[in-house]
Amino acid sequence: MAEGGIPLEEERLPTLQDFLNNERLRTLYQDPEVQMIFTEIENNPSTIHQHHNKSKVQEVLKLIQAEFDRYQPNMTPTCEFSGSR
């Protein structure tokens, strides 16, 4: 994070545009079955357990996670450990 708490570009979260740029994710969101499932989950989050094993739901979640993973900050260690003594 940059001075003053402002995230650097590589530390930002994905935007809606990032998700819309993913053609497969956009296609899945247009699928009536997927829309119905996510509307149901939005209205009653406890129903996620009924849907989490469905392949389309798993694919959507993996694609969303991939977008978040693209913007993870570089995890450089602050100190190095040497295994030799």
Protein backbone atom coordinates (compact mmCIF):
# COMPACT_ATOMS: atom_id res chain seq x y z
CA MET A 1 0.00 0.00 0.00
CA ALA A 2 1.31 3.41 -0.89
CA GLU A 3 1.90 6.15 1.64
CA GLY A 4 -1.34 7.52 3.05
CA GLY A 5 -3.17 4.20 2.67
CA ILE A 6 -3.88 4.59 -1.05
CA PRO A 7 -3.59 1.22 -2.77
CA LEU A 8 -1.06 0.93 -5.55
CA GLU A 9 -2.43 -0.06 -8.98
CA GLU A 10 -1.35 -3.68 -8.58
CA GLU A 11 -3.14 -3.84 -5.20
CA ARG A 12 -6.56 -2.76 -6.45
CA LEU A 13 -9.63 -4.92 -6.34
CA PRO A 14 -11.22 -6.01 -9.61
CA THR A 15 -13.90 -3.72 -10.95
CA LEU A 16 -17.20 -4.58 -12.59
CA GLN A 17 -15.51 -3.85 -15.90
CA ASP A 18 -12.88 -6.50 -15.15
CA PHE A 19 -15.65 -9.06 -14.67
CA LEU A 20 -17.49 -7.90 -17.80
CA ASN A 21 -14.28 -8.21 -19.82
CA ASN A 22 -14.20 -11.92 -18.99
CA GLU A 23 -16.20 -13.36 -21.88
CA ARG A 24 -16.90 -16.72 -20.22
CA LEU A 25 -18.09 -15.08 -17.01
CA ARG A 26 -20.31 -12.70 -18.99
CA THR A 27 -21.79 -15.66 -20.89
CA LEU A 28 -22.47 -17.58 -17.69
CA TYR A 29 -24.21 -14.59 -16.11
CA GLN A 30 -26.54 -14.45 -19.11
CA ASP A 31 -27.52 -18.10 -18.64
CA PRO A 32 -31.10 -18.21 -17.25
CA GLU A 33 -30.24 -21.10 -14.92
CA VAL A 34 -27.29 -19.21 -13.45
CA GLN A 35 -29.36 -16.04 -13.09
CA MET A 36 -32.08 -17.97 -11.25
CA ILE A 37 -29.58 -19.62 -8.91
CA PHE A 38 -27.78 -16.39 -8.01
CA THR A 39 -31.06 -14.52 -7.55
CA GLU A 40 -32.19 -17.25 -5.18
CA ILE A 41 -28.90 -17.08 -3.28
CA GLU A 42 -29.12 -13.28 -3.12
CA ASN A 43 -32.65 -13.46 -1.70
CA ASN A 44 -31.84 -16.31 0.70
CA PRO A 45 -28.10 -16.88 1.25
CA SER A 46 -28.72 -20.15 3.09
CA THR A 47 -29.70 -21.73 -0.26
CA ILE A 48 -26.08 -21.61 -1.43
CA HIS A 49 -25.66 -25.11 0.01
CA GLN A 50 -28.23 -26.39 -2.47
CA HIS A 51 -26.28 -25.02 -5.42
CA HIS A 52 -22.56 -25.03 -4.57
CA ASN A 53 -21.92 -28.38 -6.29
CA LYS A 54 -23.47 -27.34 -9.62
CA SER A 55 -20.82 -27.07 -12.32
CA LYS A 56 -21.96 -23.66 -13.61
CA VAL A 57 -21.94 -22.19 -10.10
CA GLN A 58 -18.48 -23.60 -9.45
CA GLU A 59 -17.24 -22.16 -12.75
CA VAL A 60 -18.64 -18.70 -11.95
CA LEU A 61 -17.00 -18.74 -8.53
CA LYS A 62 -13.66 -19.88 -9.98
CA LEU A 63 -13.76 -17.13 -12.61
CA ILE A 64 -14.57 -14.51 -9.98
CA GLN A 65 -11.74 -15.78 -7.78
CA ALA A 66 -9.36 -15.66 -10.75
CA GLU A 67 -10.17 -11.96 -11.22
CA PHE A 68 -9.37 -11.29 -7.55
CA ASP A 69 -6.17 -13.33 -7.83
CA ARG A 70 -5.00 -11.17 -10.75
CA TYR A 71 -4.82 -8.15 -8.45
CA GLN A 72 -3.17 -9.65 -5.39
CA PRO A 73 -0.25 -7.55 -4.18
CA ASN A 74 3.19 -9.02 -4.64
CA MET A 75 3.85 -10.98 -1.51
CA THR A 76 7.53 -10.27 -0.94
CA PRO A 77 8.86 -11.43 2.41
CA THR A 78 10.11 -8.72 4.73
CA CYS A 79 12.99 -10.87 5.93
CA GLU A 80 14.69 -13.90 4.49
CA PHE A 81 15.17 -17.12 6.35
CA SER A 82 18.35 -19.04 5.82
CA GLY A 83 18.11 -22.73 6.52
CA SER A 84 21.86 -23.10 7.01
CA ARG A 85 23.35 -22.81 10.47
